[in-house]
C-alpha atoms as a PDB file:
ATOM      1  CA  UNK A   1      -6.592 -51.604 -66.548  1.00  0.00           C
ATOM      2  CA  UNK A   2      -6.433 -51.306 -63.070  1.00  0.00           C
ATOM      3  CA  UNK A   3      -3.337 -52.640 -62.053  1.00  0.00           C
ATOM      4  CA  UNK A   4      -2.047 -50.427 -64.541  1.00  0.00           C
ATOM      5  CA  UNK A   5      -3.720 -47.624 -63.260  1.00  0.00           C
ATOM      6  CA  UNK A   6      -2.611 -48.295 -59.408  1.00  0.00           C
ATOM      7  CA  UNK A   7       0.983 -48.596 -60.718  1.00  0.00           C
ATOM      8  CA  UNK A   8       0.618 -45.075 -62.140  1.00  0.00           C
ATOM      9  CA  UNK A   9      -1.189 -43.442 -58.779  1.00  0.00           C
ATOM     10  CA  UNK A  10       0.713 -41.325 -57.275  1.00  0.00           C
ATOM     11  CA  UNK A  11       0.329 -42.831 -54.045  1.00  0.00           C
ATOM     12  CA  UNK A  12       1.799 -46.011 -55.217  1.00  0.00           C
ATOM     13  CA  UNK A  13       4.507 -44.063 -56.167  1.00  0.00           C
ATOM     14  CA  UNK A  14       5.538 -42.127 -53.309  1.00  0.00           C
ATOM     15  CA  UNK A  15       4.933 -45.711 -51.363  1.00  0.00           C
ATOM     16  CA  UNK A  16       7.316 -47.223 -53.238  1.00  0.00           C
ATOM     17  CA  UNK A  17      10.009 -44.663 -53.307  1.00  0.00           C
ATOM     18  CA  UNK A  18       9.456 -44.638 -49.355  1.00  0.00           C
ATOM     19  CA  UNK A  19       9.588 -48.218 -49.100  1.00  0.00           C
ATOM     20  CA  UNK A  20      12.948 -48.519 -51.324  1.00  0.00           C
ATOM     21  CA  UNK A  21      14.382 -45.733 -48.752  1.00  0.00           C
ATOM     22  CA  UNK A  22      13.698 -47.853 -45.870  1.00  0.00           C
ATOM     23  CA  UNK A  23      15.178 -50.729 -47.294  1.00  0.00           C
ATOM     24  CA  UNK A  24      18.249 -48.474 -48.418  1.00  0.00           C
ATOM     25  CA  UNK A  25      18.433 -47.127 -44.871  1.00  0.00           C
ATOM     26  CA  UNK A  26      18.120 -51.154 -43.093  1.00  0.00           C
ATOM     27  CA  UNK A  27      21.129 -52.489 -45.534  1.00  0.00           C
ATOM     28  CA  UNK A  28      23.023 -49.700 -44.733  1.00  0.00           C
ATOM     29  CA  UNK A  29      23.289 -50.038 -41.204  1.00  0.00           C
ATOM     30  CA  UNK A  30      24.043 -53.730 -41.496  1.00  0.00           C
ATOM     31  CA  UNK A  31      27.692 -54.570 -41.044  1.00  0.00           C
ATOM     32  CA  UNK A  32      29.651 -55.296 -44.505  1.00  0.00           C
ATOM     33  CA  UNK A  33      26.790 -54.037 -46.300  1.00  0.00           C
ATOM     34  CA  UNK A  34      27.650 -53.382 -49.983  1.00  0.00           C
ATOM     35  CA  UNK A  35      25.922 -50.061 -50.045  1.00  0.00           C
ATOM     36  CA  UNK A  36      28.950 -48.965 -47.861  1.00  0.00           C
ATOM     37  CA  UNK A  37      31.541 -49.417 -50.431  1.00  0.00           C
ATOM     38  CA  UNK A  38      33.073 -47.169 -53.136  1.00  0.00           C
ATOM     39  CA  UNK A  39      31.090 -44.746 -55.426  1.00  0.00           C
ATOM     40  CA  UNK A  40      27.743 -46.641 -54.321  1.00  0.00           C
ATOM     41  CA  UNK A  41      27.796 -45.629 -50.954  1.00  0.00           C
ATOM     42  CA  UNK A  42      28.393 -42.134 -51.887  1.00  0.00           C
ATOM     43  CA  UNK A  43      25.856 -42.517 -54.336  1.00  0.00           C
ATOM     44  CA  UNK A  44      23.200 -43.613 -51.727  1.00  0.00           C
ATOM     45  CA  UNK A  45      24.447 -41.719 -48.863  1.00  0.00           C
ATOM     46  CA  UNK A  46      23.761 -38.514 -50.546  1.00  0.00           C
ATOM     47  CA  UNK A  47      20.020 -39.748 -50.515  1.00  0.00           C
ATOM     48  CA  UNK A  48      20.032 -41.562 -47.516  1.00  0.00           C
ATOM     49  CA  UNK A  49      22.133 -39.119 -45.128  1.00  0.00           C
ATOM     50  CA  UNK A  50      19.693 -36.088 -45.581  1.00  0.00           C
ATOM     51  CA  UNK A  51      16.687 -38.334 -44.879  1.00  0.00           C
ATOM     52  CA  UNK A  52      18.532 -39.817 -41.618  1.00  0.00           C
ATOM     53  CA  UNK A  53      19.471 -35.816 -40.894  1.00  0.00           C
ATOM     54  CA  UNK A  54      15.344 -35.714 -40.999  1.00  0.00           C
ATOM     55  CA  UNK A  55      14.451 -38.571 -38.956  1.00  0.00           C
ATOM     56  CA  UNK A  56      17.336 -37.291 -36.271  1.00  0.00           C
ATOM     57  CA  UNK A  57      15.692 -34.095 -36.578  1.00  0.00           C
ATOM     58  CA  UNK A  58      12.296 -35.575 -36.200  1.00  0.00           C
ATOM     59  CA  UNK A  59      13.208 -37.718 -33.273  1.00  0.00           C
ATOM     60  CA  UNK A  60      14.934 -34.857 -31.497  1.00  0.00           C
ATOM     61  CA  UNK A  61      11.792 -32.654 -32.023  1.00  0.00           C
ATOM     62  CA  UNK A  62       9.935 -35.161 -30.317  1.00  0.00           C
ATOM     63  CA  UNK A  63      12.039 -35.964 -27.502  1.00  0.00           C
ATOM     64  CA  UNK A  64      12.140 -31.921 -26.616  1.00  0.00           C
ATOM     65  CA  UNK A  65       8.428 -31.824 -26.957  1.00  0.00           C
ATOM     66  CA  UNK A  66       7.989 -34.879 -24.402  1.00  0.00           C
ATOM     67  CA  UNK A  67      10.605 -32.830 -22.351  1.00  0.00           C
ATOM     68  CA  UNK A  68       8.574 -29.950 -22.523  1.00  0.00           C
ATOM     69  CA  UNK A  69       5.412 -31.516 -21.727  1.00  0.00           C
ATOM     70  CA  UNK A  70       6.774 -33.121 -18.734  1.00  0.00           C
ATOM     71  CA  UNK A  71       9.011 -30.050 -17.477  1.00  0.00           C
ATOM     72  CA  UNK A  72       5.645 -28.155 -17.736  1.00  0.00           C
ATOM     73  CA  UNK A  73       3.876 -30.489 -15.707  1.00  0.00           C
ATOM     74  CA  UNK A  74       6.583 -30.522 -13.048  1.00  0.00           C
ATOM     75  CA  UNK A  75       6.875 -26.695 -12.872  1.00  0.00           C
ATOM     76  CA  UNK A  76       2.741 -26.230 -12.680  1.00  0.00           C
ATOM     77  CA  UNK A  77       2.826 -28.839  -9.926  1.00  0.00           C
ATOM     78  CA  UNK A  78       5.503 -27.036  -8.491  1.00  0.00           C
ATOM     79  CA  UNK A  79       3.417 -23.640  -8.382  1.00  0.00           C
ATOM     80  CA  UNK A  80       0.474 -25.297  -7.064  1.00  0.00           C
ATOM     81  CA  UNK A  81       2.827 -26.632  -3.825  1.00  0.00           C
ATOM     82  CA  UNK A  82       3.850 -22.580  -3.665  1.00  0.00           C
ATOM     83  CA  UNK A  83       0.706 -20.959  -3.950  1.00  0.00           C
ATOM     84  CA  UNK A  84      -0.462 -23.362  -1.101  1.00  0.00           C
ATOM     85  CA  UNK A  85       2.345 -22.608   0.593  1.00  0.00           C
ATOM     86  CA  UNK A  86       1.884 -18.778  -0.094  1.00  0.00           C
ATOM     87  CA  UNK A  87      -2.091 -19.362   0.836  1.00  0.00           C
ATOM     88  CA  UNK A  88      -0.940 -20.900   4.345  1.00  0.00           C
ATOM     89  CA  UNK A  89       1.563 -18.272   5.013  1.00  0.00           C
ATOM     90  CA  UNK A  90      -1.106 -15.531   4.116  1.00  0.00           C
ATOM     91  CA  UNK A  91      -3.439 -17.401   6.894  1.00  0.00           C
ATOM     92  CA  UNK A  92      -1.217 -17.497   9.689  1.00  0.00           C
ATOM     93  CA  UNK A  93      -0.170 -14.212   8.610  1.00  0.00           C
ATOM     94  CA  UNK A  94      -3.467 -12.970   9.574  1.00  0.00           C
ATOM     95  CA  UNK A  95      -3.893 -14.888  12.428  1.00  0.00           C
ATOM     96  CA  UNK A  96      -0.448 -13.482  13.732  1.00  0.00           C
ATOM     97  CA  UNK A  97      -1.690 -10.193  12.644  1.00  0.00           C
ATOM     98  CA  UNK A  98      -5.677 -10.537  14.944  1.00  0.00           C
ATOM     99  CA  UNK A  99      -3.915 -12.269  17.806  1.00  0.00           C
ATOM    100  CA  UNK A 100      -1.890  -9.050  17.894  1.00  0.00           C
ATOM    101  CA  UNK A 101      -4.329  -6.904  18.111  1.00  0.00           C
ATOM    102  CA  UNK A 102      -6.199  -8.778  20.546  1.00  0.00           C
ATOM    103  CA  UNK A 103      -3.294  -8.833  22.617  1.00  0.00           C
ATOM    104  CA  UNK A 104      -2.536  -5.228  22.509  1.00  0.00           C
ATOM    105  CA  UNK A 105      -6.828  -4.606  23.464  1.00  0.00           C
ATOM    106  CA  UNK A 106      -6.509  -6.550  26.479  1.00  0.00           C
ATOM    107  CA  UNK A 107      -3.310  -5.249  27.181  1.00  0.00           C
ATOM    108  CA  UNK A 108      -4.672  -1.601  27.179  1.00  0.00           C
ATOM    109  CA  UNK A 109      -7.496  -3.661  29.554  1.00  0.00           C
ATOM    110  CA  UNK A 110      -5.167  -3.445  32.138  1.00  0.00           C
ATOM    111  CA  UNK A 111      -6.342   0.052  33.172  1.00  0.00           C
ATOM    112  CA  UNK A 112      -9.484  -1.020  34.078  1.00  0.00           C
ATOM    113  CA  UNK A 113      -8.399  -2.694  37.135  1.00  0.00           C
ATOM    114  CA  UNK A 114      -6.549   0.203  38.388  1.00  0.00           C
ATOM    115  CA  UNK A 115      -9.458   2.200  37.738  1.00  0.00           C
ATOM    116  CA  UNK A 116     -11.896   0.202  39.027  1.00  0.00           C
ATOM    117  CA  UNK A 117      -9.861  -0.594  42.385  1.00  0.00           C
ATOM    118  CA  UNK A 118     -12.907  -1.877  44.475  1.00  0.00           C
ATOM    119  CA  UNK A 119     -13.976  -4.218  41.674  1.00  0.00           C
ATOM    120  CA  UNK A 120     -12.821  -7.775  40.540  1.00  0.00           C
ATOM    121  CA  UNK A 121     -11.807  -7.686  36.836  1.00  0.00           C
ATOM    122  CA  UNK A 122     -12.905 -10.916  34.663  1.00  0.00           C
ATOM    123  CA  UNK A 123     -12.278 -10.844  31.260  1.00  0.00           C
ATOM    124  CA  UNK A 124     -14.189 -12.851  28.773  1.00  0.00           C
ATOM    125  CA  UNK A 125     -14.855 -13.250  24.951  1.00  0.00           C
ATOM    126  CA  UNK A 126     -18.679 -13.038  22.892  1.00  0.00           C
ATOM    127  CA  UNK A 127     -20.057 -16.157  22.229  1.00  0.00           C
ATOM    128  CA  UNK A 128     -23.146 -14.604  20.431  1.00  0.00           C
ATOM    129  CA  UNK A 129     -26.057 -12.877  20.831  1.00  0.00           C
ATOM    130  CA  UNK A 130     -29.538 -14.217  21.061  1.00  0.00           C
ATOM    131  CA  UNK A 131     -31.278 -15.306  18.351  1.00  0.00           C
ATOM    132  CA  UNK A 132     -33.011 -11.836  16.950  1.00  0.00           C
ATOM    133  CA  UNK A 133     -32.092  -9.104  15.897  1.00  0.00           C
ATOM    134  CA  UNK A 134     -32.958  -6.745  18.899  1.00  0.00           C
ATOM    135  CA  UNK A 135     -30.058  -8.445  21.246  1.00  0.00           C
ATOM    136  CA  UNK A 136     -32.092  -9.792  23.827  1.00  0.00           C
ATOM    137  CA  UNK A 137     -29.201 -11.076  25.428  1.00  0.00           C
ATOM    138  CA  UNK A 138     -25.835 -11.789  24.765  1.00  0.00           C
ATOM    139  CA  UNK A 139     -23.754 -14.791  26.012  1.00  0.00           C
ATOM    140  CA  UNK A 140     -20.554 -14.122  27.280  1.00  0.00           C
ATOM    141  CA  UNK A 141     -17.550 -16.806  27.542  1.00  0.00           C
ATOM    142  CA  UNK A 142     -17.382 -16.787  31.736  1.00  0.00           C
ATOM    143  CA  UNK A 143     -19.276 -18.900  34.302  1.00  0.00           C
ATOM    144  CA  UNK A 144     -19.077 -20.677  37.423  1.00  0.00           C
ATOM    145  CA  UNK A 145     -15.710 -22.776  36.287  1.00  0.00           C
ATOM    146  CA  UNK A 146     -14.052 -19.368  36.071  1.00  0.00           C
ATOM    147  CA  UNK A 147     -15.274 -18.502  39.818  1.00  0.00           C
ATOM    148  CA  UNK A 148     -17.612 -16.236  38.471  1.00  0.00           C
ATOM    149  CA  UNK A 149     -20.890 -16.513  40.798  1.00  0.00           C
ATOM    150  CA  UNK A 150     -24.335 -14.854  40.744  1.00  0.00           C
ATOM    151  CA  UNK A 151     -27.012 -14.799  43.994  1.00  0.00           C
ATOM    152  CA  UNK A 152     -30.713 -14.147  42.550  1.00  0.00           C
ATOM    153  CA  UNK A 153     -31.404 -10.496  42.747  1.00  0.00           C
ATOM    154  CA  UNK A 154     -27.767  -9.971  41.838  1.00  0.00           C
ATOM    155  CA  UNK A 155     -26.384  -8.167  39.057  1.00  0.00           C
ATOM    156  CA  UNK A 156     -22.861  -7.318  37.407  1.00  0.00           C
ATOM    157  CA  UNK A 157     -21.426  -4.372  35.793  1.00  0.00           C
ATOM    158  CA  UNK A 158     -20.333  -5.037  32.070  1.00  0.00           C
ATOM    159  CA  UNK A 159     -17.631  -2.733  30.111  1.00  0.00           C
ATOM    160  CA  UNK A 160     -15.878  -2.584  26.966  1.00  0.00           C
ATOM    161  CA  UNK A 161     -12.092  -2.885  26.588  1.00  0.00           C
ATOM    162  CA  UNK A 162     -12.254   1.305  26.993  1.00  0.00           C
ATOM    163  CA  UNK A 163     -14.276   1.054  29.997  1.00  0.00           C
ATOM    164  CA  UNK A 164     -17.400   1.969  28.218  1.00  0.00           C
ATOM    165  CA  UNK A 165     -20.737   0.582  29.421  1.00  0.00           C
ATOM    166  CA  UNK A 166     -22.201  -2.729  28.183  1.00  0.00           C
ATOM    167  CA  UNK A 167     -24.718  -4.115  30.160  1.00  0.00           C
ATOM    168  CA  UNK A 168     -25.315  -5.741  33.160  1.00  0.00           C
ATOM    169  CA  UNK A 169     -24.684  -9.969  34.138  1.00  0.00           C
ATOM    170  CA  UNK A 170     -27.929 -11.225  34.747  1.00  0.00           C
ATOM    171  CA  UNK A 171     -27.710 -15.104  34.281  1.00  0.00           C
ATOM    172  CA  UNK A 172     -24.217 -16.788  35.320  1.00  0.00           C
ATOM    173  CA  UNK A 173     -24.296 -21.157  34.832  1.00  0.00           C
ATOM    174  CA  UNK A 174     -20.954 -23.175  34.350  1.00  0.00           C
ATOM    175  CA  UNK A 175     -19.261 -22.148  31.503  1.00  0.00           C
ATOM    176  CA  UNK A 176     -21.087 -18.969  30.349  1.00  0.00           C
ATOM    177  CA  UNK A 177     -23.047 -16.358  31.766  1.00  0.00           C
ATOM    178  CA  UNK A 178     -25.757 -13.822  29.869  1.00  0.00           C
ATOM    179  CA  UNK A 179     -25.433  -9.865  29.751  1.00  0.00           C
ATOM    180  CA  UNK A 180     -28.161  -7.605  29.518  1.00  0.00           C
ATOM    181  CA  UNK A 181     -27.337  -5.051  26.955  1.00  0.00           C
ATOM    182  CA  UNK A 182     -28.037  -1.800  27.607  1.00  0.00           C
ATOM    183  CA  UNK A 183     -29.706  -1.051  24.754  1.00  0.00           C
ATOM    184  CA  UNK A 184     -32.732  -3.450  25.987  1.00  0.00           C
ATOM    185  CA  UNK A 185     -35.934  -2.318  27.051  1.00  0.00           C
ATOM    186  CA  UNK A 186     -35.614  -3.677  30.055  1.00  0.00           C
ATOM    187  CA  UNK A 187     -32.224  -2.214  31.020  1.00  0.00           C
ATOM    188  CA  UNK A 188     -31.869   0.674  33.023  1.00  0.00           C
ATOM    189  CA  UNK A 189     -28.893   3.154  34.956  1.00  0.00           C
ATOM    190  CA  UNK A 190     -28.864   6.430  36.281  1.00  0.00           C
ATOM    191  CA  UNK A 191     -26.258   8.922  34.279  1.00  0.00           C
ATOM    192  CA  UNK A 192     -25.053  12.503  33.833  1.00  0.00           C
ATOM    193  CA  UNK A 193     -23.927  14.668  31.627  1.00  0.00           C
ATOM    194  CA  UNK A 194     -20.026  14.146  31.932  1.00  0.00           C
ATOM    195  CA  UNK A 195     -19.182  17.693  33.451  1.00  0.00           C
ATOM    196  CA  UNK A 196     -18.926  18.849  37.106  1.00  0.00           C
ATOM    197  CA  UNK A 197     -22.263  19.053  38.890  1.00  0.00           C
ATOM    198  CA  UNK A 198     -23.873  17.481  35.545  1.00  0.00           C
ATOM    199  CA  UNK A 199     -27.727  17.019  35.508  1.00  0.00           C
ATOM    200  CA  UNK A 200     -28.702  13.731  36.501  1.00  0.00           C
ATOM    201  CA  UNK A 201     -30.955  11.664  33.944  1.00  0.00           C
ATOM    202  CA  UNK A 202     -32.358   8.020  33.654  1.00  0.00           C
ATOM    203  CA  UNK A 203     -31.301   6.314  30.425  1.00  0.00           C
ATOM    204  CA  UNK A 204     -32.810   3.484  29.562  1.00  0.00           C
ATOM    205  CA  UNK A 205     -33.518   0.844  26.399  1.00  0.00           C
ATOM    206  CA  UNK A 206     -36.509   1.056  23.939  1.00  0.00           C
ATOM    207  CA  UNK A 207     -38.131  -1.108  21.882  1.00  0.00           C
ATOM    208  CA  UNK A 208     -38.189   1.159  18.816  1.00  0.00           C
ATOM    209  CA  UNK A 209     -34.807   2.539  19.293  1.00  0.00           C
ATOM    210  CA  UNK A 210     -32.639  -0.691  20.166  1.00  0.00           C
ATOM    211  CA  UNK A 211     -33.090  -2.005  16.318  1.00  0.00           C
ATOM    212  CA  UNK A 212     -30.822   0.693  15.729  1.00  0.00           C
ATOM    213  CA  UNK A 213     -28.515   0.595  18.965  1.00  0.00           C
ATOM    214  CA  UNK A 214     -29.770   3.545  20.489  1.00  0.00           C
ATOM    215  CA  UNK A 215     -31.285   4.538  23.867  1.00  0.00           C
ATOM    216  CA  UNK A 216     -33.502   7.190  25.403  1.00  0.00           C
ATOM    217  CA  UNK A 217     -32.824   9.482  28.326  1.00  0.00           C
ATOM    218  CA  UNK A 218     -35.880  10.487  30.122  1.00  0.00           C
ATOM    219  CA  UNK A 219     -36.307  13.044  33.628  1.00  0.00           C
ATOM    220  CA  UNK A 220     -34.931  15.885  31.808  1.00  0.00           C
ATOM    221  CA  UNK A 221     -35.526  19.080  33.486  1.00  0.00           C
ATOM    222  CA  UNK A 222     -36.455  21.554  31.526  1.00  0.00           C
ATOM    223  CA  UNK A 223     -33.974  24.150  32.908  1.00  0.00           C
ATOM    224  CA  UNK A 224     -30.618  21.238  32.078  1.00  0.00           C
ATOM    225  CA  UNK A 225     -31.210  19.463  28.852  1.00  0.00           C
ATOM    226  CA  UNK A 226     -27.961  17.887  27.135  1.00  0.00           C
ATOM    227  CA  UNK A 227     -26.546  19.114  24.431  1.00  0.00           C
ATOM    228  CA  UNK A 228     -26.617  17.427  21.156  1.00  0.00           C
ATOM    229  CA  UNK A 229     -22.864  15.620  21.165  1.00  0.00           C
ATOM    230  CA  UNK A 230     -23.036  15.731  25.143  1.00  0.00           C
ATOM    231  CA  UNK A 231     -21.014  12.884  26.693  1.00  0.00           C
ATOM    232  CA  UNK A 232     -23.133  10.835  29.138  1.00  0.00           C
ATOM    233  CA  UNK A 233     -21.596   8.849  31.706  1.00  0.00           C
ATOM    234  CA  UNK A 234     -23.319   7.019  34.465  1.00  0.00           C
ATOM    235  CA  UNK A 235     -23.842   8.885  37.699  1.00  0.00           C
ATOM    236  CA  UNK A 236     -22.901   6.679  40.590  1.00  0.00           C
ATOM    237  CA  UNK A 237     -26.513   6.922  41.899  1.00  0.00           C
ATOM    238  CA  UNK A 238     -28.387   3.337  42.905  1.00  0.00           C
ATOM    239  CA  UNK A 239     -25.391   1.658  43.702  1.00  0.00           C
ATOM    240  CA  UNK A 240     -24.331  -0.723  41.147  1.00  0.00           C
ATOM    241  CA  UNK A 241     -22.521   1.446  38.815  1.00  0.00           C
ATOM    242  CA  UNK A 242     -20.040   3.682  39.418  1.00  0.00           C
ATOM    243  CA  UNK A 243     -19.850   6.948  38.841  1.00  0.00           C
ATOM    244  CA  UNK A 244     -18.267   7.813  35.581  1.00  0.00           C
ATOM    245  CA  UNK A 245     -18.602   5.062  33.290  1.00  0.00           C
ATOM    246  CA  UNK A 246     -18.967   6.475  29.776  1.00  0.00           C
ATOM    247  CA  UNK A 247     -21.832   5.110  28.016  1.00  0.00           C
ATOM    248  CA  UNK A 248     -22.066   7.450  24.757  1.00  0.00           C
ATOM    249  CA  UNK A 249     -23.445  10.933  23.056  1.00  0.00           C
ATOM    250  CA  UNK A 250     -26.510  12.485  22.472  1.00  0.00           C
ATOM    251  CA  UNK A 251     -27.316  12.627  19.271  1.00  0.00           C
ATOM    252  CA  UNK A 252     -30.680  14.188  19.231  1.00  0.00           C
ATOM    253  CA  UNK A 253     -33.093  16.278  21.824  1.00  0.00           C
ATOM    254  CA  UNK A 254     -36.696  16.512  21.967  1.00  0.00           C
ATOM    255  CA  UNK A 255     -37.824  18.937  23.956  1.00  0.00           C
ATOM    256  CA  UNK A 256     -41.333  19.886  22.307  1.00  0.00           C
ATOM    257  CA  UNK A 257     -42.839  18.998  25.049  1.00  0.00           C
ATOM    258  CA  UNK A 258     -41.646  20.429  28.097  1.00  0.00           C
ATOM    259  CA  UNK A 259     -43.575  17.775  30.836  1.00  0.00           C
ATOM    260  CA  UNK A 260     -41.483  15.333  29.133  1.00  0.00           C
ATOM    261  CA  UNK A 261     -38.547  15.770  27.362  1.00  0.00           C
ATOM    262  CA  UNK A 262     -36.473  13.325  26.015  1.00  0.00           C
ATOM    263  CA  UNK A 263     -33.151  12.177  24.098  1.00  0.00           C
ATOM    264  CA  UNK A 264     -31.625   9.959  22.070  1.00  0.00           C
ATOM    265  CA  UNK A 265     -28.271   8.350  23.261  1.00  0.00           C
ATOM    266  CA  UNK A 266     -25.994   6.823  20.547  1.00  0.00           C
ATOM    267  CA  UNK A 267     -23.421   4.048  23.378  1.00  0.00           C
ATOM    268  CA  UNK A 268     -20.090   4.030  22.989  1.00  0.00           C
ATOM    269  CA  UNK A 269     -19.741   0.227  22.980  1.00  0.00           C
ATOM    270  CA  UNK A 270     -21.500  -1.365  19.903  1.00  0.00           C
ATOM    271  CA  UNK A 271     -22.493  -4.413  20.630  1.00  0.00           C
ATOM    272  CA  UNK A 272     -22.344  -5.980  17.140  1.00  0.00           C
ATOM    273  CA  UNK A 273     -18.744  -5.201  16.996  1.00  0.00           C
ATOM    274  CA  UNK A 274     -17.397  -6.853  20.302  1.00  0.00           C
ATOM    275  CA  UNK A 275     -15.168  -9.132  20.752  1.00  0.00           C
ATOM    276  CA  UNK A 276     -14.225  -9.046  24.421  1.00  0.00           C
ATOM    277  CA  UNK A 277     -16.152  -7.847  27.396  1.00  0.00           C
ATOM    278  CA  UNK A 278     -15.222  -7.057  31.212  1.00  0.00           C
ATOM    279  CA  UNK A 279     -17.150  -8.161  34.015  1.00  0.00           C
ATOM    280  CA  UNK A 280     -16.810  -5.940  37.404  1.00  0.00           C
ATOM    281  CA  UNK A 281     -17.398  -7.948  40.591  1.00  0.00           C
ATOM    282  CA  UNK A 282     -17.325  -5.939  43.827  1.00  0.00           C
ATOM    283  CA  UNK A 283     -14.992  -7.012  46.222  1.00  0.00           C
ATOM    284  CA  UNK A 284     -15.981  -7.709  49.902  1.00  0.00           C
ATOM    285  CA  UNK A 285     -19.540  -6.131  49.334  1.00  0.00           C
ATOM    286  CA  UNK A 286     -23.135  -7.803  48.888  1.00  0.00           C
ATOM    287  CA  UNK A 287     -24.476  -6.098  45.986  1.00  0.00           C
ATOM    288  CA  UNK A 288     -28.050  -7.080  46.802  1.00  0.00           C
ATOM    289  CA  UNK A 289     -28.905  -3.849  47.788  1.00  0.00           C
ATOM    290  CA  UNK A 290     -27.381  -2.528  44.729  1.00  0.00           C
ATOM    291  CA  UNK A 291     -29.282  -5.110  42.672  1.00  0.00           C
ATOM    292  CA  UNK A 292     -32.729  -4.232  44.241  1.00  0.00           C
ATOM    293  CA  UNK A 293     -32.234  -0.105  43.317  1.00  0.00           C
ATOM    294  CA  UNK A 294     -31.334  -1.385  40.073  1.00  0.00           C
ATOM    295  CA  UNK A 295     -34.729  -3.566  39.767  1.00  0.00           C
ATOM    296  CA  UNK A 296     -36.859  -0.637  40.984  1.00  0.00           C
ATOM    297  CA  UNK A 297     -35.068   1.189  38.472  1.00  0.00           C
ATOM    298  CA  UNK A 298     -35.667  -1.379  35.751  1.00  0.00           C
ATOM    299  CA  UNK A 299     -39.057  -1.502  36.736  1.00  0.00           C
ATOM    300  CA  UNK A 300     -39.803   2.198  36.415  1.00  0.00           C
ATOM    301  CA  UNK A 301     -37.792   2.378  33.013  1.00  0.00           C
ATOM    302  CA  UNK A 302     -40.966  -0.350  31.759  1.00  0.00           C
ATOM    303  CA  UNK A 303     -43.948   1.908  32.786  1.00  0.00           C
ATOM    304  CA  UNK A 304     -42.495   4.267  30.507  1.00  0.00           C
ATOM    305  CA  UNK A 305     -41.972   2.221  27.447  1.00  0.00           C
END
């Protein structure tokens, strides 16, 4: 009963037919096979041929699929390599663009030498600021190895590429120097409005203002109060800073107390934005006297903080 059921089952019949077809195909592939003769050949050929064509088509499809897979992998690998090459070219392009910008900035800086003919000009890149947000000092990449020396009590002017005042050098080591920026409360310089016979004032750093990158102006005569927006430059008094170095613009004035009129100045040289600075060293002249005047101004500024 089980055998009869097995013999009449659908899967058995299908399996048997498949086996017969495979046997016929293999037998027909043999040389001299009786299946290749006469009507028998035509009969089985009519059955076998579609099967052979189907198998051939399936084999071709598998080959095409494999080729597509391998071709796709090759194309994907090639695309990855091209993306890496494009990324590298873009990186080099950005480097070249930045180098071109730096070159133009430094090329424009040559007019500093013409303007300050009585000074040796040393270019330096900013290395870092000190570890607090108030810019206690700025480290620049120039030192004794490049010929810059600083005796005790001396100081040198520091400007940016546009000749705007940045600060002054306070310490020199073998490979770098420390610059006291003009927003620091220990900095002081005599200044004036940038006009003929402009009134003189005292510009100092201020603890409350430096976090915003601003400075304070004091010693303002009630009859010569600067206007908001007025440009302030060094006055030349005191010796260390020559006259006419741009410092910044007045952003506010407090004249509520005529005995103590003050103003707030925004420097042109934003310390956080600078990449390069220039140190101005007097030619053939000791700066000892200048340093003494500068120290006196700083002490006076400290008393006002």
